[in-house]
Structures are given as C-alpha cells and as structure tokens.
PDB file of N, CA and C in Angstrom:
ATOM      1  N   MET A   1     -63.534  44.930 -25.130  1.00  0.00           N
ATOM      2  CA  MET A   1     -63.406  43.479 -25.073  1.00  0.00           C
ATOM      3  C   MET A   1     -63.576  42.985 -23.634  1.00  0.00           C
ATOM      4  N   ASN A   2     -63.081  43.767 -22.672  1.00  0.00           N
ATOM      5  CA  ASN A   2     -63.209  43.370 -21.270  1.00  0.00           C
ATOM      6  C   ASN A   2     -64.667  43.157 -20.890  1.00  0.00           C
ATOM      7  N   ARG A   3     -65.520  44.057 -21.364  1.00  0.00           N
ATOM      8  CA  ARG A   3     -66.944  43.954 -21.020  1.00  0.00           C
ATOM      9  C   ARG A   3     -67.569  42.703 -21.629  1.00  0.00           C
ATOM     10  N   ILE A   4     -67.195  42.394 -22.858  1.00  0.00           N
ATOM     11  CA  ILE A   4     -67.745  41.212 -23.531  1.00  0.00           C
ATOM     12  C   ILE A   4     -67.320  39.947 -22.807  1.00  0.00           C
ATOM     13  N   VAL A   5     -66.047  39.873 -22.450  1.00  0.00           N
ATOM     14  CA  VAL A   5     -65.548  38.703 -21.718  1.00  0.00           C
ATOM     15  C   VAL A   5     -66.289  38.575 -20.393  1.00  0.00           C
ATOM     16  N   GLY A   6     -66.501  39.694 -19.719  1.00  0.00           N
ATOM     17  CA  GLY A   6     -67.225  39.669 -18.447  1.00  0.00           C
ATOM     18  C   GLY A   6     -68.642  39.148 -18.599  1.00  0.00           C
ATOM     19  N   ILE A   7     -69.318  39.608 -19.638  1.00  0.00           N
ATOM     20  CA  ILE A   7     -70.690  39.147 -19.896  1.00  0.00           C
ATOM     21  C   ILE A   7     -70.700  37.655 -20.193  1.00  0.00           C
ATOM     22  N   LYS A   8     -69.756  37.214 -21.019  1.00  0.00           N
ATOM     23  CA  LYS A   8     -69.698  35.794 -21.376  1.00  0.00           C
ATOM     24  C   LYS A   8     -69.394  34.934 -20.152  1.00  0.00           C
ATOM     25  N   LEU A   9     -68.465  35.386 -19.321  1.00  0.00           N
ATOM     26  CA  LEU A   9     -68.133  34.628 -18.117  1.00  0.00           C
ATOM     27  C   LEU A   9     -69.348  34.531 -17.200  1.00  0.00           C
ATOM     28  N   MET A  10     -70.039  35.638 -17.008  1.00  0.00           N
ATOM     29  CA  MET A  10     -71.223  35.631 -16.147  1.00  0.00           C
ATOM     30  C   MET A  10     -72.294  34.696 -16.711  1.00  0.00           C
ATOM     31  N   ASP A  11     -72.493  34.742 -18.022  1.00  0.00           N
ATOM     32  CA  ASP A  11     -73.473  33.849 -18.649  1.00  0.00           C
ATOM     33  C   ASP A  11     -73.093  32.377 -18.453  1.00  0.00           C
ATOM     34  N   LEU A  12     -71.824  32.069 -18.678  1.00  0.00           N
ATOM     35  CA  LEU A  12     -71.358  30.685 -18.478  1.00  0.00           C
ATOM     36  C   LEU A  12     -71.559  30.241 -17.033  1.00  0.00           C
ATOM     37  N   ARG A  13     -71.163  31.115 -16.127  1.00  0.00           N
ATOM     38  CA  ARG A  13     -71.275  30.786 -14.705  1.00  0.00           C
ATOM     39  C   ARG A  13     -72.721  30.547 -14.316  1.00  0.00           C
ATOM     40  N   ASN A  14     -73.595  31.444 -14.749  1.00  0.00           N
ATOM     41  CA  ASN A  14     -75.013  31.320 -14.396  1.00  0.00           C
ATOM     42  C   ASN A  14     -75.647  30.092 -15.037  1.00  0.00           C
ATOM     43  N   SER A  15     -75.320  29.828 -16.291  1.00  0.00           N
ATOM     44  CA  SER A  15     -75.917  28.664 -16.954  1.00  0.00           C
ATOM     45  C   SER A  15     -75.411  27.350 -16.367  1.00  0.00           C
ATOM     46  N   ASN A  16     -74.246  27.370 -15.752  1.00  0.00           N
ATOM     47  CA  ASN A  16     -73.702  26.182 -15.097  1.00  0.00           C
ATOM     48  C   ASN A  16     -73.924  26.200 -13.585  1.00  0.00           C
ATOM     49  N   LYS A  17     -74.689  27.189 -13.137  1.00  0.00           N
ATOM     50  CA  LYS A  17     -75.010  27.326 -11.709  1.00  0.00           C
ATOM     51  C   LYS A  17     -73.753  27.259 -10.827  1.00  0.00           C
ATOM     52  N   THR A  18     -72.766  28.056 -11.218  1.00  0.00           N
ATOM     53  CA  THR A  18     -71.498  28.114 -10.495  1.00  0.00           C
ATOM     54  C   THR A  18     -71.356  29.500  -9.883  1.00  0.00           C
ATOM     55  N   SER A  19     -71.059  29.549  -8.615  1.00  0.00           N
ATOM     56  CA  SER A  19     -70.889  30.840  -7.955  1.00  0.00           C
ATOM     57  C   SER A  19     -69.470  31.360  -8.198  1.00  0.00           C
ATOM     58  N   LEU A  20     -69.305  32.656  -7.989  1.00  0.00           N
ATOM     59  CA  LEU A  20     -67.971  33.240  -8.085  1.00  0.00           C
ATOM     60  C   LEU A  20     -67.026  32.602  -7.069  1.00  0.00           C
ATOM     61  N   ASP A  21     -67.536  32.332  -5.869  1.00  0.00           N
ATOM     62  CA  ASP A  21     -66.704  31.714  -4.828  1.00  0.00           C
ATOM     63  C   ASP A  21     -66.169  30.357  -5.272  1.00  0.00           C
ATOM     64  N   ILE A  22     -67.041  29.539  -5.821  1.00  0.00           N
ATOM     65  CA  ILE A  22     -66.631  28.200  -6.266  1.00  0.00           C
ATOM     66  C   ILE A  22     -65.623  28.311  -7.405  1.00  0.00           C
ATOM     67  N   LEU A  23     -65.919  29.179  -8.392  1.00  0.00           N
ATOM     68  CA  LEU A  23     -65.016  29.350  -9.514  1.00  0.00           C
ATOM     69  C   LEU A  23     -63.652  29.862  -9.049  1.00  0.00           C
ATOM     70  N   SER A  24     -63.670  30.783  -8.126  1.00  0.00           N
ATOM     71  CA  SER A  24     -62.429  31.324  -7.568  1.00  0.00           C
ATOM     72  C   SER A  24     -61.585  30.221  -6.933  1.00  0.00           C
ATOM     73  N   THR A  25     -62.225  29.374  -6.172  1.00  0.00           N
ATOM     74  CA  THR A  25     -61.527  28.277  -5.495  1.00  0.00           C
ATOM     75  C   THR A  25     -61.033  27.239  -6.497  1.00  0.00           C
ATOM     76  N   LYS A  26     -61.890  26.826  -7.402  1.00  0.00           N
ATOM     77  CA  LYS A  26     -61.540  25.770  -8.359  1.00  0.00           C
ATOM     78  C   LYS A  26     -60.389  26.191  -9.277  1.00  0.00           C
ATOM     79  N   LEU A  27     -60.378  27.461  -9.687  1.00  0.00           N
ATOM     80  CA  LEU A  27     -59.378  27.925 -10.646  1.00  0.00           C
ATOM     81  C   LEU A  27     -58.224  28.690  -9.997  1.00  0.00           C
ATOM     82  N   ASN A  28     -58.303  28.826  -8.681  1.00  0.00           N
ATOM     83  CA  ASN A  28     -57.251  29.535  -7.950  1.00  0.00           C
ATOM     84  C   ASN A  28     -57.072  30.961  -8.490  1.00  0.00           C
ATOM     85  N   ILE A  29     -58.209  31.626  -8.687  1.00  0.00           N
ATOM     86  CA  ILE A  29     -58.223  33.019  -9.132  1.00  0.00           C
ATOM     87  C   ILE A  29     -58.803  33.837  -7.979  1.00  0.00           C
ATOM     88  N   PRO A  30     -58.130  34.920  -7.589  1.00  0.00           N
ATOM     89  CA  PRO A  30     -58.678  35.736  -6.499  1.00  0.00           C
ATOM     90  C   PRO A  30     -60.115  36.185  -6.803  1.00  0.00           C
ATOM     91  N   LEU A  31     -60.956  36.118  -5.784  1.00  0.00           N
ATOM     92  CA  LEU A  31     -62.365  36.468  -5.938  1.00  0.00           C
ATOM     93  C   LEU A  31     -62.535  37.884  -6.480  1.00  0.00           C
ATOM     94  N   ASP A  32     -61.773  38.829  -5.957  1.00  0.00           N
ATOM     95  CA  ASP A  32     -61.916  40.213  -6.427  1.00  0.00           C
ATOM     96  C   ASP A  32     -61.521  40.345  -7.904  1.00  0.00           C
ATOM     97  N   THR A  33     -60.577  39.532  -8.356  1.00  0.00           N
ATOM     98  CA  THR A  33     -60.190  39.543  -9.762  1.00  0.00           C
ATOM     99  C   THR A  33     -61.339  39.036 -10.628  1.00  0.00           C
ATOM    100  N   LEU A  34     -61.983  37.947 -10.196  1.00  0.00           N
ATOM    101  CA  LEU A  34     -63.139  37.426 -10.938  1.00  0.00           C
ATOM    102  C   LEU A  34     -64.265  38.454 -11.001  1.00  0.00           C
ATOM    103  N   GLU A  35     -64.489  39.135  -9.914  1.00  0.00           N
ATOM    104  CA  GLU A  35     -65.533  40.168  -9.899  1.00  0.00           C
ATOM    105  C   GLU A  35     -65.205  41.281 -10.888  1.00  0.00           C
ATOM    106  N   GLN A  36     -63.943  41.684 -10.923  1.00  0.00           N
ATOM    107  CA  GLN A  36     -63.519  42.735 -11.853  1.00  0.00           C
ATOM    108  C   GLN A  36     -63.623  42.259 -13.303  1.00  0.00           C
ATOM    109  N   ILE A  37     -63.300  40.992 -13.538  1.00  0.00           N
ATOM    110  CA  ILE A  37     -63.429  40.444 -14.894  1.00  0.00           C
ATOM    111  C   ILE A  37     -64.892  40.487 -15.322  1.00  0.00           C
ATOM    112  N   GLU A  38     -65.788  40.049 -14.442  1.00  0.00           N
ATOM    113  CA  GLU A  38     -67.207  40.017 -14.793  1.00  0.00           C
ATOM    114  C   GLU A  38     -67.789  41.405 -15.014  1.00  0.00           C
ATOM    115  N   ASN A  39     -67.321  42.389 -14.274  1.00  0.00           N
ATOM    116  CA  ASN A  39     -67.888  43.729 -14.502  1.00  0.00           C
ATOM    117  C   ASN A  39     -67.137  44.501 -15.580  1.00  0.00           C
ATOM    118  N   GLY A  40     -66.135  43.849 -16.199  1.00  0.00           N
ATOM    119  CA  GLY A  40     -65.449  44.440 -17.344  1.00  0.00           C
ATOM    120  C   GLY A  40     -64.456  45.521 -17.016  1.00  0.00           C
ATOM    121  N   SER A  41     -64.038  45.600 -15.756  1.00  0.00           N
ATOM    122  CA  SER A  41     -63.144  46.686 -15.358  1.00  0.00           C
ATOM    123  C   SER A  41     -61.663  46.317 -15.400  1.00  0.00           C
ATOM    124  N   THR A  42     -61.349  45.122 -15.894  1.00  0.00           N
ATOM    125  CA  THR A  42     -59.949  44.714 -15.957  1.00  0.00           C
ATOM    126  C   THR A  42     -59.707  43.820 -17.173  1.00  0.00           C
ATOM    127  N   SER A  43     -58.464  43.778 -17.585  1.00  0.00           N
ATOM    128  CA  SER A  43     -58.085  42.865 -18.673  1.00  0.00           C
ATOM    129  C   SER A  43     -57.338  41.652 -18.121  1.00  0.00           C
ATOM    130  N   GLU A  44     -57.425  41.436 -16.830  1.00  0.00           N
ATOM    131  CA  GLU A  44     -56.760  40.298 -16.187  1.00  0.00           C
ATOM    132  C   GLU A  44     -57.260  38.954 -16.703  1.00  0.00           C
ATOM    133  N   TRP A  45     -58.413  38.948 -17.346  1.00  0.00           N
ATOM    134  CA  TRP A  45     -58.961  37.700 -17.888  1.00  0.00           C
ATOM    135  C   TRP A  45     -57.973  37.035 -18.830  1.00  0.00           C
ATOM    136  N   ILE A  46     -57.112  37.824 -19.449  1.00  0.00           N
ATOM    137  CA  ILE A  46     -56.120  37.293 -20.387  1.00  0.00           C
ATOM    138  C   ILE A  46     -55.284  36.209 -19.722  1.00  0.00           C
ATOM    139  N   HIS A  47     -54.971  36.394 -18.436  1.00  0.00           N
ATOM    140  CA  HIS A  47     -54.131  35.440 -17.713  1.00  0.00           C
ATOM    141  C   HIS A  47     -54.882  34.166 -17.330  1.00  0.00           C
ATOM    142  N   TYR A  48     -56.205  34.221 -17.335  1.00  0.00           N
ATOM    143  CA  TYR A  48     -56.998  33.105 -16.834  1.00  0.00           C
ATOM    144  C   TYR A  48     -57.918  32.475 -17.877  1.00  0.00           C
ATOM    145  N   ILE A  49     -57.934  33.022 -19.079  1.00  0.00           N
ATOM    146  CA  ILE A  49     -58.935  32.615 -20.064  1.00  0.00           C
ATOM    147  C   ILE A  49     -58.870  31.124 -20.398  1.00  0.00           C
ATOM    148  N   GLU A  50     -57.664  30.587 -20.502  1.00  0.00           N
ATOM    149  CA  GLU A  50     -57.555  29.161 -20.848  1.00  0.00           C
ATOM    150  C   GLU A  50     -58.122  28.275 -19.744  1.00  0.00           C
ATOM    151  N   SER A  51     -57.812  28.589 -18.501  1.00  0.00           N
ATOM    152  CA  SER A  51     -58.339  27.758 -17.411  1.00  0.00           C
ATOM    153  C   SER A  51     -59.858  27.926 -17.271  1.00  0.00           C
ATOM    154  N   ILE A  52     -60.361  29.106 -17.555  1.00  0.00           N
ATOM    155  CA  ILE A  52     -61.813  29.324 -17.524  1.00  0.00           C
ATOM    156  C   ILE A  52     -62.484  28.481 -18.605  1.00  0.00           C
ATOM    157  N   CYS A  53     -61.917  28.522 -19.818  1.00  0.00           N
ATOM    158  CA  CYS A  53     -62.484  27.727 -20.924  1.00  0.00           C
ATOM    159  C   CYS A  53     -62.399  26.233 -20.616  1.00  0.00           C
ATOM    160  N   ASP A  54     -61.286  25.791 -20.059  1.00  0.00           N
ATOM    161  CA  ASP A  54     -61.149  24.377 -19.684  1.00  0.00           C
ATOM    162  C   ASP A  54     -62.197  23.985 -18.647  1.00  0.00           C
ATOM    163  N   TYR A  55     -62.380  24.831 -17.651  1.00  0.00           N
ATOM    164  CA  TYR A  55     -63.330  24.532 -16.580  1.00  0.00           C
ATOM    165  C   TYR A  55     -64.752  24.366 -17.130  1.00  0.00           C
ATOM    166  N   PHE A  56     -65.142  25.271 -18.037  1.00  0.00           N
ATOM    167  CA  PHE A  56     -66.490  25.217 -18.585  1.00  0.00           C
ATOM    168  C   PHE A  56     -66.591  24.363 -19.847  1.00  0.00           C
ATOM    169  N   LYS A  57     -65.461  23.745 -20.210  1.00  0.00           N
ATOM    170  CA  LYS A  57     -65.408  22.865 -21.391  1.00  0.00           C
ATOM    171  C   LYS A  57     -65.920  23.588 -22.644  1.00  0.00           C
ATOM    172  N   ILE A  58     -65.361  24.766 -22.870  1.00  0.00           N
ATOM    173  CA  ILE A  58     -65.702  25.562 -24.044  1.00  0.00           C
ATOM    174  C   ILE A  58     -64.420  25.887 -24.788  1.00  0.00           C
ATOM    175  N   ASP A  59     -64.491  25.846 -26.093  1.00  0.00           N
ATOM    176  CA  ASP A  59     -63.345  26.150 -26.936  1.00  0.00           C
ATOM    177  C   ASP A  59     -63.000  27.632 -26.819  1.00  0.00           C
ATOM    178  N   LEU A  60     -61.717  27.929 -26.738  1.00  0.00           N
ATOM    179  CA  LEU A  60     -61.259  29.314 -26.604  1.00  0.00           C
ATOM    180  C   LEU A  60     -61.751  30.179 -27.764  1.00  0.00           C
ATOM    181  N   ASP A  61     -61.670  29.662 -28.977  1.00  0.00           N
ATOM    182  CA  ASP A  61     -62.134  30.420 -30.142  1.00  0.00           C
ATOM    183  C   ASP A  61     -63.620  30.746 -30.032  1.00  0.00           C
ATOM    184  N   GLU A  62     -64.393  29.796 -29.567  1.00  0.00           N
ATOM    185  CA  GLU A  62     -65.831  30.011 -29.405  1.00  0.00           C
ATOM    186  C   GLU A  62     -66.091  31.081 -28.344  1.00  0.00           C
ATOM    187  N   PHE A  63     -65.341  31.004 -27.246  1.00  0.00           N
ATOM    188  CA  PHE A  63     -65.517  31.973 -26.166  1.00  0.00           C
ATOM    189  C   PHE A  63     -65.223  33.393 -26.642  1.00  0.00           C
ATOM    190  N   LEU A  64     -64.209  33.545 -27.487  1.00  0.00           N
ATOM    191  CA  LEU A  64     -63.781  34.879 -27.898  1.00  0.00           C
ATOM    192  C   LEU A  64     -64.508  35.423 -29.123  1.00  0.00           C
ATOM    193  N   LYS A  65     -65.445  34.667 -29.684  1.00  0.00           N
ATOM    194  CA  LYS A  65     -66.208  35.184 -30.825  1.00  0.00           C
ATOM    195  C   LYS A  65     -66.936  36.454 -30.416  1.00  0.00           C
ATOM    196  N   LEU A  66     -67.035  37.367 -31.351  1.00  0.00           N
ATOM    197  CA  LEU A  66     -67.620  38.670 -31.041  1.00  0.00           C
ATOM    198  C   LEU A  66     -69.111  38.766 -31.332  1.00  0.00           C
ATOM    199  N   LYS A  67     -69.735  37.652 -31.678  1.00  0.00           N
ATOM    200  CA  LYS A  67     -71.158  37.710 -32.014  1.00  0.00           C
ATOM    201  C   LYS A  67     -72.003  38.221 -30.849  1.00  0.00           C
ATOM    202  N   ASP A  68     -71.507  38.060 -29.631  1.00  0.00           N
ATOM    203  CA  ASP A  68     -72.265  38.506 -28.469  1.00  0.00           C
ATOM    204  C   ASP A  68     -72.288  40.017 -28.319  1.00  0.00           C
ATOM    205  N   VAL A  69     -71.522  40.712 -29.138  1.00  0.00           N
ATOM    206  CA  VAL A  69     -71.573  42.174 -29.105  1.00  0.00           C
ATOM    207  C   VAL A  69     -72.981  42.653 -29.409  1.00  0.00           C
ATOM    208  N   LEU A  70     -73.701  41.896 -30.223  1.00  0.00           N
ATOM    209  CA  LEU A  70     -75.050  42.288 -30.598  1.00  0.00           C
ATOM    210  C   LEU A  70     -75.991  42.371 -29.409  1.00  0.00           C
ATOM    211  N   SER A  71     -75.690  41.628 -28.344  1.00  0.00           N
ATOM    212  CA  SER A  71     -76.566  41.646 -27.170  1.00  0.00           C
ATOM    213  C   SER A  71     -76.278  42.830 -26.249  1.00  0.00           C
ATOM    214  N   LEU A  72     -75.234  43.577 -26.537  1.00  0.00           N
ATOM    215  CA  LEU A  72     -74.900  44.728 -25.705  1.00  0.00           C
ATOM    216  C   LEU A  72     -75.837  45.889 -26.005  1.00  0.00           C
ATOM    217  N   GLY A  73     -75.967  46.789 -25.047  1.00  0.00           N
ATOM    218  CA  GLY A  73     -76.751  47.993 -25.260  1.00  0.00           C
ATOM    219  C   GLY A  73     -76.008  48.973 -26.157  1.00  0.00           C
ATOM    220  N   TYR A  74     -76.693  50.022 -26.564  1.00  0.00           N
ATOM    221  CA  TYR A  74     -76.123  51.002 -27.488  1.00  0.00           C
ATOM    222  C   TYR A  74     -74.821  51.586 -26.953  1.00  0.00           C
ATOM    223  N   ASN A  75     -74.807  52.035 -25.707  1.00  0.00           N
ATOM    224  CA  ASN A  75     -73.609  52.663 -25.143  1.00  0.00           C
ATOM    225  C   ASN A  75     -72.451  51.684 -25.048  1.00  0.00           C
ATOM    226  N   GLU A  76     -72.750  50.435 -24.701  1.00  0.00           N
ATOM    227  CA  GLU A  76     -71.697  49.420 -24.624  1.00  0.00           C
ATOM    228  C   GLU A  76     -71.140  49.115 -26.012  1.00  0.00           C
ATOM    229  N   LYS A  77     -72.027  49.032 -27.012  1.00  0.00           N
ATOM    230  CA  LYS A  77     -71.568  48.805 -28.384  1.00  0.00           C
ATOM    231  C   LYS A  77     -70.682  49.955 -28.837  1.00  0.00           C
ATOM    232  N   ARG A  78     -71.129  51.160 -28.543  1.00  0.00           N
ATOM    233  CA  ARG A  78     -70.370  52.342 -28.947  1.00  0.00           C
ATOM    234  C   ARG A  78     -69.003  52.361 -28.277  1.00  0.00           C
ATOM    235  N   ALA A  79     -68.941  52.042 -26.991  1.00  0.00           N
ATOM    236  CA  ALA A  79     -67.660  51.998 -26.285  1.00  0.00           C
ATOM    237  C   ALA A  79     -66.764  50.919 -26.869  1.00  0.00           C
ATOM    238  N   PHE A  80     -67.346  49.775 -27.185  1.00  0.00           N
ATOM    239  CA  PHE A  80     -66.572  48.684 -27.772  1.00  0.00           C
ATOM    240  C   PHE A  80     -66.001  49.095 -29.130  1.00  0.00           C
ATOM    241  N   VAL A  81     -66.833  49.681 -29.965  1.00  0.00           N
ATOM    242  CA  VAL A  81     -66.389  50.101 -31.295  1.00  0.00           C
ATOM    243  C   VAL A  81     -65.311  51.175 -31.172  1.00  0.00           C
ATOM    244  N   ASN A  82     -65.498  52.126 -30.267  1.00  0.00           N
ATOM    245  CA  ASN A  82     -64.488  53.169 -30.069  1.00  0.00           C
ATOM    246  C   ASN A  82     -63.156  52.585 -29.623  1.00  0.00           C
ATOM    247  N   GLU A  83     -63.190  51.636 -28.719  1.00  0.00           N
ATOM    248  CA  GLU A  83     -61.955  50.999 -28.264  1.00  0.00           C
ATOM    249  C   GLU A  83     -61.298  50.230 -29.402  1.00  0.00           C
ATOM    250  N   PHE A  84     -62.094  49.549 -30.194  1.00  0.00           N
ATOM    251  CA  PHE A  84     -61.573  48.807 -31.342  1.00  0.00           C
ATOM    252  C   PHE A  84     -60.893  49.770 -32.325  1.00  0.00           C
ATOM    253  N   ILE A  85     -61.532  50.895 -32.601  1.00  0.00           N
ATOM    254  CA  ILE A  85     -60.963  51.896 -33.511  1.00  0.00           C
ATOM    255  C   ILE A  85     -59.668  52.463 -32.932  1.00  0.00           C
ATOM    256  N   ASN A  86     -59.667  52.759 -31.644  1.00  0.00           N
ATOM    257  CA  ASN A  86     -58.446  53.279 -31.005  1.00  0.00           C
ATOM    258  C   ASN A  86     -57.294  52.292 -31.119  1.00  0.00           C
ATOM    259  N   GLN A  87     -57.565  51.022 -30.870  1.00  0.00           N
ATOM    260  CA  GLN A  87     -56.520  50.009 -30.991  1.00  0.00           C
ATOM    261  C   GLN A  87     -56.025  49.920 -32.433  1.00  0.00           C
ATOM    262  N   TYR A  88     -56.926  49.972 -33.380  1.00  0.00           N
ATOM    263  CA  TYR A  88     -56.564  49.909 -34.795  1.00  0.00           C
ATOM    264  C   TYR A  88     -55.670  51.097 -35.163  1.00  0.00           C
ATOM    265  N   GLU A  89     -56.054  52.294 -34.720  1.00  0.00           N
ATOM    266  CA  GLU A  89     -55.258  53.482 -35.014  1.00  0.00           C
ATOM    267  C   GLU A  89     -53.875  53.407 -34.373  1.00  0.00           C
ATOM    268  N   ARG A  90     -53.787  52.869 -33.151  1.00  0.00           N
ATOM    269  CA  ARG A  90     -52.471  52.689 -32.515  1.00  0.00           C
ATOM    270  C   ARG A  90     -51.606  51.736 -33.325  1.00  0.00           C
ATOM    271  N   ARG A  91     -52.202  50.651 -33.807  1.00  0.00           N
ATOM    272  CA  ARG A  91     -51.446  49.673 -34.607  1.00  0.00           C
ATOM    273  C   ARG A  91     -50.959  50.297 -35.906  1.00  0.00           C
ATOM    274  N   LEU A  92     -51.788  51.109 -36.549  1.00  0.00           N
ATOM    275  CA  LEU A  92     -51.373  51.790 -37.774  1.00  0.00           C
ATOM    276  C   LEU A  92     -50.199  52.729 -37.505  1.00  0.00           C
ATOM    277  N   LYS A  93     -50.277  53.458 -36.400  1.00  0.00           N
ATOM    278  CA  LYS A  93     -49.191  54.372 -36.034  1.00  0.00           C
ATOM    279  C   LYS A  93     -47.906  53.588 -35.778  1.00  0.00           C
ATOM    280  N   GLU A  94     -48.015  52.467 -35.051  1.00  0.00           N
ATOM    281  CA  GLU A  94     -46.844  51.628 -34.797  1.00  0.00           C
ATOM    282  C   GLU A  94     -46.257  51.115 -36.105  1.00  0.00           C
ATOM    283  N   LYS A  95     -47.109  50.696 -37.022  1.00  0.00           N
ATOM    284  CA  LYS A  95     -46.647  50.202 -38.326  1.00  0.00           C
ATOM    285  C   LYS A  95     -45.887  51.286 -39.057  1.00  0.00           C
ATOM    286  N   ASP A  96     -46.443  52.500 -39.091  1.00  0.00           N
ATOM    287  CA  ASP A  96     -45.784  53.611 -39.776  1.00  0.00           C
ATOM    288  C   ASP A  96     -44.430  53.929 -39.146  1.00  0.00           C
ATOM    289  N   GLU A  97     -44.354  53.880 -37.813  1.00  0.00           N
ATOM    290  CA  GLU A  97     -43.085  54.145 -37.132  1.00  0.00           C
ATOM    291  C   GLU A  97     -42.044  53.083 -37.473  1.00  0.00           C
ATOM    292  N   ILE A  98     -42.468  51.836 -37.539  1.00  0.00           N
ATOM    293  CA  ILE A  98     -41.542  50.748 -37.876  1.00  0.00           C
ATOM    294  C   ILE A  98     -41.058  50.889 -39.313  1.00  0.00           C
ATOM    295  N   ILE A  99     -41.958  51.221 -40.206  1.00  0.00           N
ATOM    296  CA  ILE A  99     -41.574  51.403 -41.615  1.00  0.00           C
ATOM    297  C   ILE A  99     -40.561  52.540 -41.739  1.00  0.00           C
ATOM    298  N   THR A 100     -40.797  53.639 -41.066  1.00  0.00           N
ATOM    299  CA  THR A 100     -39.862  54.766 -41.100  1.00  0.00           C
ATOM    300  C   THR A 100     -38.505  54.361 -40.548  1.00  0.00           C
ATOM    301  N   LEU A 101     -38.495  53.653 -39.446  1.00  0.00           N
ATOM    302  CA  LEU A 101     -37.251  53.184 -38.851  1.00  0.00           C
ATOM    303  C   LEU A 101     -36.497  52.266 -39.810  1.00  0.00           C
ATOM    304  N   LEU A 102     -37.201  51.341 -40.426  1.00  0.00           N
ATOM    305  CA  LEU A 102     -36.561  50.424 -41.377  1.00  0.00           C
ATOM    306  C   LEU A 102     -36.020  51.164 -42.594  1.00  0.00           C
ATOM    307  N   LYS A 103     -36.763  52.128 -43.106  1.00  0.00           N
ATOM    308  CA  LYS A 103     -36.287  52.915 -44.247  1.00  0.00           C
ATOM    309  C   LYS A 103     -35.011  53.667 -43.885  1.00  0.00           C
ATOM    310  N   ASP A 104     -34.973  54.230 -42.683  1.00  0.00           N
ATOM    311  CA  ASP A 104     -33.777  54.943 -42.224  1.00  0.00           C
ATOM    312  C   ASP A 104     -32.578  54.003 -42.131  1.00  0.00           C
ATOM    313  N   LYS A 105     -32.795  52.817 -41.615  1.00  0.00           N
ATOM    314  CA  LYS A 105     -31.707  51.848 -41.503  1.00  0.00           C
ATOM    315  C   LYS A 105     -31.218  51.393 -42.875  1.00  0.00           C
ATOM    316  N   ILE A 106     -32.153  51.191 -43.798  1.00  0.00           N
ATOM    317  CA  ILE A 106     -31.778  50.792 -45.159  1.00  0.00           C
ATOM    318  C   ILE A 106     -30.950  51.892 -45.814  1.00  0.00           C
ATOM    319  N   GLU A 107     -31.364  53.136 -45.618  1.00  0.00           N
ATOM    320  CA  GLU A 107     -30.615  54.256 -46.195  1.00  0.00           C
ATOM    321  C   GLU A 107     -29.209  54.331 -45.608  1.00  0.00           C
ATOM    322  N   LEU A 108     -29.096  54.127 -44.313  1.00  0.00           N
ATOM    323  CA  LEU A 108     -27.775  54.116 -43.683  1.00  0.00           C
ATOM    324  C   LEU A 108     -26.897  53.018 -44.269  1.00  0.00           C
ATOM    325  N   LEU A 109     -27.466  51.849 -44.432  1.00  0.00           N
ATOM    326  CA  LEU A 109     -26.710  50.731 -44.995  1.00  0.00           C
ATOM    327  C   LEU A 109     -26.301  51.010 -46.444  1.00  0.00           C
ATOM    328  N   ASN A 110     -27.188  51.626 -47.203  1.00  0.00           N
ATOM    329  CA  ASN A 110     -26.883  51.944 -48.598  1.00  0.00           C
ATOM    330  C   ASN A 110     -25.793  53.004 -48.724  1.00  0.00           C
ATOM    331  N   ASN A 111     -25.683  53.864 -47.742  1.00  0.00           N
ATOM    332  CA  ASN A 111     -24.688  54.936 -47.775  1.00  0.00           C
ATOM    333  C   ASN A 111     -23.324  54.517 -47.242  1.00  0.00           C
ATOM    334  N   GLN A 112     -23.230  53.359 -46.661  1.00  0.00           N
ATOM    335  CA  GLN A 112     -21.948  52.870 -46.155  1.00  0.00           C
ATOM    336  C   GLN A 112     -21.172  52.237 -47.300  1.00  0.00           C
ATOM    337  N   PRO A 113     -19.852  52.402 -47.275  1.00  0.00           N
ATOM    338  CA  PRO A 113     -19.050  51.725 -48.300  1.00  0.00           C
ATOM    339  C   PRO A 113     -19.155  50.206 -48.139  1.00  0.00           C
ATOM    340  N   ASN A 114     -19.026  49.524 -49.235  1.00  0.00           N
ATOM    341  CA  ASN A 114     -19.090  48.061 -49.189  1.00  0.00           C
ATOM    342  C   ASN A 114     -18.009  47.520 -48.288  1.00  0.00           C
ATOM    343  N   GLN A 115     -18.405  46.638 -47.428  1.00  0.00           N
ATOM    344  CA  GLN A 115     -17.461  45.998 -46.531  1.00  0.00           C
ATOM    345  C   GLN A 115     -17.515  44.510 -46.788  1.00  0.00           C
ATOM    346  N   THR A 116     -16.379  43.905 -46.791  1.00  0.00           N
ATOM    347  CA  THR A 116     -16.357  42.465 -46.998  1.00  0.00           C
ATOM    348  C   THR A 116     -16.273  41.764 -45.659  1.00  0.00           C
ATOM    349  N   LEU A 117     -16.827  40.590 -45.624  1.00  0.00           N
ATOM    350  CA  LEU A 117     -16.786  39.791 -44.396  1.00  0.00           C
ATOM    351  C   LEU A 117     -15.429  39.135 -44.275  1.00  0.00           C
ATOM    352  N   GLN A 118     -14.921  39.068 -43.106  1.00  0.00           N
ATOM    353  CA  GLN A 118     -13.618  38.418 -42.882  1.00  0.00           C
ATOM    354  C   GLN A 118     -13.796  37.132 -42.143  1.00  0.00           C
TER     355      GLN A 118
END
C-alpha cells in the first residue's frame, strides 16, 4: 500500500506542478518524510493523508482506491499482493486467538457457581 500511495502522491504532485519543497512547506511535512512517502519506503502517509487530500482537493476514498494497482509492474503487483495476503493471514490469526480467549472466559464463567448481585 505504501508504494501505491507514493505513486498516487507523485502523480498528483506532478499533475498539479507542485514540488516536494512547496508541498512540504504548505503542509508542514518534513521534506525527507515526503520523499520516503513517494518512494514507498514508509507508512507515515497515514498521518498526513487527510491534509494531502485537502491540499489537492481530492476525496480520501478516491485517493485510496486500489484501481491504480493495475499500473504497477509485475514485481510491484506481486509485492502488493503478498503484503495483502500477509495482513489477511495476521488478521485471521488474531481472530482465532480472540475466539479462543473468549471461549476460555465463557467456560470459566460457566464453571463458577451462580453469584447474585448485591
């Protein structure tokens, strides 16, 4: 996702003829952070995405659409898909852990004698 956001930011900047220096100054984002966002090496864009969208007058939902994945090269697509799969698998594991924890708590509650509220 970092790479896609970087590509989209660079495209927006170039189509609006805005330099990184100007964008950095206008949005109060460190220049090195903007450079890292554009080259896809950081997820710091999360902290600045709303101000970036406001500056370029683009809807956040539109900016985050994944249709631009199609413009990526094979290796970039593959890396994106792999990261997406990894995140999905982590979420499934977290879900399973939560379900197990909840089942254990329910069993503990079921095994306790009835207590009345005072």
